[in-house]
Amino acid sequence: RRKGFDHVESQYANIEKMHGTLAAERARKNADKQFDILVGSVVHDIRGILTSLTGGFSTLLGQLKVGEADPVALKDGLTRMNERLLFLARFVDDMRSYSQSTPEERRRERIAEVVNEAKSIVLDDLKGRGIEVDSVSLSVDVPESITAEVARHQVVAAVMHVLKNALEAFEAKGQGSKKIEIRARVLN
């Protein structure tokens, strides 16, 4: 980690030598601003996953307290929470790679699965925060046959951001038609 900081300081020193103190200070301020944006984005993403988990745990605990624990619902809820924890673990592991450089390792993924994972996380997050999403028509039209070599967590996070922003925008819209469509096609 220290090597990375030394490298950055060396770059600032080179900027100062070649372009002057003002340019080096502006570069440093811009880098600090970008760092703050990155950290804020990571916190936002992790908060969304944690909210989904917290809501799921609260629901299951509530059912257990009143003695209405349906085994099927319990299994479904625990399965969903396990998926979120696995996603969170991948997200945290991959943030290390993201902060260093774009990961070169890609795996062939079904885009439909990636989109549906993002959709499920966002819906759980928003419902867990008490945001009404049932009034929005949300359709996903992604053929199972579409695959791509991707860093899965990055695509899931990107789709989550777009979908969450769209759903939150509808929250303030009031009455009327509310429709979101997610579609994917292979173009030649």
Protein backbone atom coordinates (compact mmCIF):
# COMPACT_ATOMS: atom_id res chain seq x y z
CA ARG A 1 0.00 0.00 0.00
CA ARG A 2 2.84 2.39 0.85
CA LYS A 3 4.30 1.80 -2.61
CA GLY A 4 1.09 3.18 -4.14
CA PHE A 5 1.27 6.38 -2.06
CA ASP A 6 4.95 6.83 -2.91
CA HIS A 7 4.09 6.46 -6.60
CA VAL A 8 1.35 9.10 -6.35
CA GLU A 9 3.65 11.51 -4.50
CA SER A 10 6.28 10.91 -7.17
CA GLN A 11 3.74 11.79 -9.87
CA TYR A 12 2.84 15.04 -8.07
CA ALA A 13 6.55 15.90 -7.80
CA ASN A 14 6.95 15.30 -11.54
CA ILE A 15 3.91 17.48 -12.31
CA GLU A 16 5.33 20.23 -10.12
CA LYS A 17 8.74 20.00 -11.78
CA MET A 18 7.31 20.03 -15.32
CA HIS A 19 4.31 22.35 -14.90
CA GLY A 20 4.73 24.26 -11.65
CA THR A 21 3.32 24.26 -8.15
CA LEU A 22 -0.13 25.51 -9.18
CA ALA A 23 -0.64 22.62 -11.62
CA ALA A 24 0.50 20.08 -9.01
CA GLU A 25 -1.89 21.53 -6.39
CA ARG A 26 -4.79 21.48 -8.85
CA ALA A 27 -4.00 17.86 -9.74
CA ARG A 28 -3.89 16.97 -6.02
CA LYS A 29 -7.24 18.72 -5.35
CA ASN A 30 -8.84 16.98 -8.33
CA ALA A 31 -7.55 13.60 -7.13
CA ASP A 32 -8.86 14.28 -3.62
CA LYS A 33 -12.28 15.17 -5.04
CA GLN A 34 -12.37 11.99 -7.17
CA PHE A 35 -11.34 9.93 -4.14
CA ASP A 36 -14.21 11.42 -2.11
CA ILE A 37 -16.66 10.58 -4.92
CA LEU A 38 -15.36 7.00 -5.10
CA VAL A 39 -15.64 6.46 -1.36
CA GLY A 40 -19.14 7.95 -1.34
CA SER A 41 -20.19 5.63 -4.16
CA VAL A 42 -18.81 2.58 -2.36
CA VAL A 43 -20.60 3.52 0.85
CA HIS A 44 -23.83 4.02 -1.14
CA ASP A 45 -23.52 0.57 -2.75
CA ILE A 46 -22.71 -1.22 0.50
CA ARG A 47 -25.52 0.59 2.33
CA GLY A 48 -27.98 -0.65 -0.31
CA ILE A 49 -26.90 -4.26 0.19
CA LEU A 50 -26.93 -3.94 3.99
CA THR A 51 -30.40 -2.38 3.96
CA SER A 52 -31.66 -5.34 1.97
CA LEU A 53 -30.12 -7.75 4.48
CA THR A 54 -31.43 -5.83 7.49
CA GLY A 55 -34.96 -5.79 6.07
CA GLY A 56 -34.82 -9.53 5.38
CA PHE A 57 -33.57 -10.33 8.88
CA SER A 58 -36.21 -8.11 10.48
CA THR A 59 -38.99 -9.79 8.52
CA LEU A 60 -37.83 -13.30 9.44
CA LEU A 61 -37.28 -12.40 13.09
CA GLY A 62 -40.75 -10.87 13.23
CA GLN A 63 -42.26 -14.08 11.88
CA LEU A 64 -40.32 -16.15 14.40
CA LYS A 65 -41.38 -13.93 17.33
CA VAL A 66 -45.09 -14.34 16.59
CA GLY A 67 -44.73 -18.03 15.78
CA GLU A 68 -45.70 -17.66 12.12
CA ALA A 69 -42.48 -18.96 10.60
CA ASP A 70 -43.45 -20.53 7.31
CA PRO A 71 -40.67 -23.00 6.37
CA VAL A 72 -40.90 -22.10 2.67
CA ALA A 73 -40.77 -18.36 3.37
CA LEU A 74 -37.93 -18.92 5.84
CA LYS A 75 -35.95 -20.89 3.28
CA ASP A 76 -36.60 -18.29 0.55
CA GLY A 77 -35.65 -15.41 2.83
CA LEU A 78 -32.46 -17.07 4.03
CA THR A 79 -31.52 -18.01 0.46
CA ARG A 80 -31.98 -14.37 -0.65
CA MET A 81 -29.94 -13.09 2.29
CA ASN A 82 -27.20 -15.60 1.54
CA GLU A 83 -27.11 -14.35 -2.06
CA ARG A 84 -26.76 -10.76 -0.78
CA LEU A 85 -23.95 -11.75 1.58
CA LEU A 86 -22.14 -13.54 -1.23
CA PHE A 87 -22.62 -10.48 -3.45
CA LEU A 88 -21.31 -8.23 -0.67
CA ALA A 89 -18.26 -10.47 -0.23
CA ARG A 90 -17.56 -10.36 -3.99
CA PHE A 91 -18.13 -6.61 -3.99
CA VAL A 92 -15.66 -6.01 -1.16
CA ASP A 93 -13.07 -8.36 -2.66
CA ASP A 94 -13.41 -6.78 -6.07
CA MET A 95 -13.18 -3.21 -4.70
CA ARG A 96 -9.52 -3.94 -4.06
CA SER A 97 -9.08 -4.68 -7.75
CA TYR A 98 -11.25 -1.72 -8.74
CA SER A 99 -9.21 0.71 -6.66
CA GLN A 100 -6.00 -0.46 -8.29
CA SER A 101 -7.07 -0.89 -11.89
CA THR A 102 -9.84 -2.36 -14.01
CA PRO A 103 -9.68 -6.12 -13.43
CA GLU A 104 -8.56 -8.03 -16.47
CA GLU A 105 -10.23 -11.27 -15.35
CA ARG A 106 -13.62 -11.72 -16.93
CA ARG A 107 -16.01 -14.64 -16.83
CA ARG A 108 -18.74 -15.50 -19.27
CA GLU A 109 -21.99 -14.55 -17.58
CA ARG A 110 -25.62 -14.72 -18.63
CA ILE A 111 -26.68 -11.09 -18.83
CA ALA A 112 -30.24 -12.02 -17.78
CA GLU A 113 -28.89 -13.40 -14.48
CA VAL A 114 -26.77 -10.31 -13.90
CA VAL A 115 -29.70 -7.96 -14.56
CA ASN A 116 -32.10 -10.01 -12.40
CA GLU A 117 -29.59 -10.06 -9.53
CA ALA A 118 -29.31 -6.27 -9.68
CA LYS A 119 -33.10 -5.90 -9.89
CA SER A 120 -33.66 -8.16 -6.88
CA ILE A 121 -31.08 -6.33 -4.74
CA VAL A 122 -32.52 -2.91 -5.62
CA LEU A 123 -36.13 -3.94 -4.96
CA ASP A 124 -35.19 -5.49 -1.60
CA ASP A 125 -33.20 -2.37 -0.69
CA LEU A 126 -35.98 0.07 -1.56
CA LYS A 127 -38.67 -2.03 0.13
CA GLY A 128 -36.42 -2.34 3.18
CA ARG A 129 -36.26 1.46 3.34
CA GLY A 130 -40.03 1.70 3.07
CA ILE A 131 -40.07 3.04 -0.48
CA GLU A 132 -43.18 1.99 -2.43
CA VAL A 133 -42.12 0.29 -5.66
CA ASP A 134 -45.19 -1.84 -6.38
CA SER A 135 -46.83 1.03 -8.28
CA VAL A 136 -44.02 0.96 -10.88
CA SER A 137 -44.31 -1.47 -13.77
CA LEU A 138 -40.85 -3.00 -14.06
CA SER A 139 -40.17 -5.43 -16.90
CA VAL A 140 -36.99 -7.25 -17.82
CA ASP A 141 -36.63 -8.56 -21.35
CA VAL A 142 -33.20 -10.15 -21.61
CA PRO A 143 -32.90 -13.45 -23.50
CA GLU A 144 -31.13 -16.19 -21.55
CA SER A 145 -28.94 -16.81 -24.59
CA ILE A 146 -27.13 -13.47 -24.29
CA THR A 147 -23.79 -13.89 -22.56
CA ALA A 148 -20.69 -11.73 -22.26
CA GLU A 149 -17.26 -11.82 -20.70
CA VAL A 150 -17.64 -9.40 -17.76
CA ALA A 151 -16.50 -8.58 -14.25
CA ARG A 152 -19.89 -9.52 -12.78
CA HIS A 153 -19.94 -7.26 -9.71
CA GLN A 154 -19.19 -4.17 -11.81
CA VAL A 155 -22.08 -4.83 -14.19
CA VAL A 156 -24.44 -5.68 -11.31
CA ALA A 157 -23.41 -2.45 -9.53
CA ALA A 158 -23.92 -0.39 -12.72
CA VAL A 159 -27.39 -1.84 -13.37
CA MET A 160 -28.24 -1.34 -9.68
CA HIS A 161 -27.33 2.36 -9.90
CA VAL A 162 -29.41 2.98 -13.00
CA LEU A 163 -32.41 1.02 -11.73
CA LYS A 164 -32.29 2.52 -8.23
CA ASN A 165 -32.08 6.04 -9.66
CA ALA A 166 -35.02 5.36 -11.98
CA LEU A 167 -37.18 3.93 -9.18
CA GLU A 168 -36.28 6.72 -6.77
CA ALA A 169 -37.16 9.28 -9.46
CA PHE A 170 -40.64 7.74 -9.72
CA GLU A 171 -41.05 8.01 -5.95
CA ALA A 172 -41.28 11.80 -6.26
CA LYS A 173 -43.41 11.71 -9.42
CA GLY A 174 -46.78 11.10 -7.76
CA GLN A 175 -49.66 9.50 -9.65
CA GLY A 176 -49.68 8.45 -13.29
CA SER A 177 -48.10 5.82 -15.47
CA LYS A 178 -44.80 4.57 -14.10
CA LYS A 179 -42.97 2.09 -16.28
CA ILE A 180 -39.35 0.92 -16.44
CA GLU A 181 -38.14 -1.52 -19.07
CA ILE A 182 -34.78 -3.25 -19.10
CA ARG A 183 -34.02 -4.84 -22.45
CA ALA A 184 -30.96 -6.40 -24.04
CA ARG A 185 -30.39 -7.48 -27.61
CA VAL A 186 -27.40 -8.65 -29.60
CA LEU A 187 -26.64 -6.19 -32.38
CA ASN A 188 -24.79 -7.22 -35.50
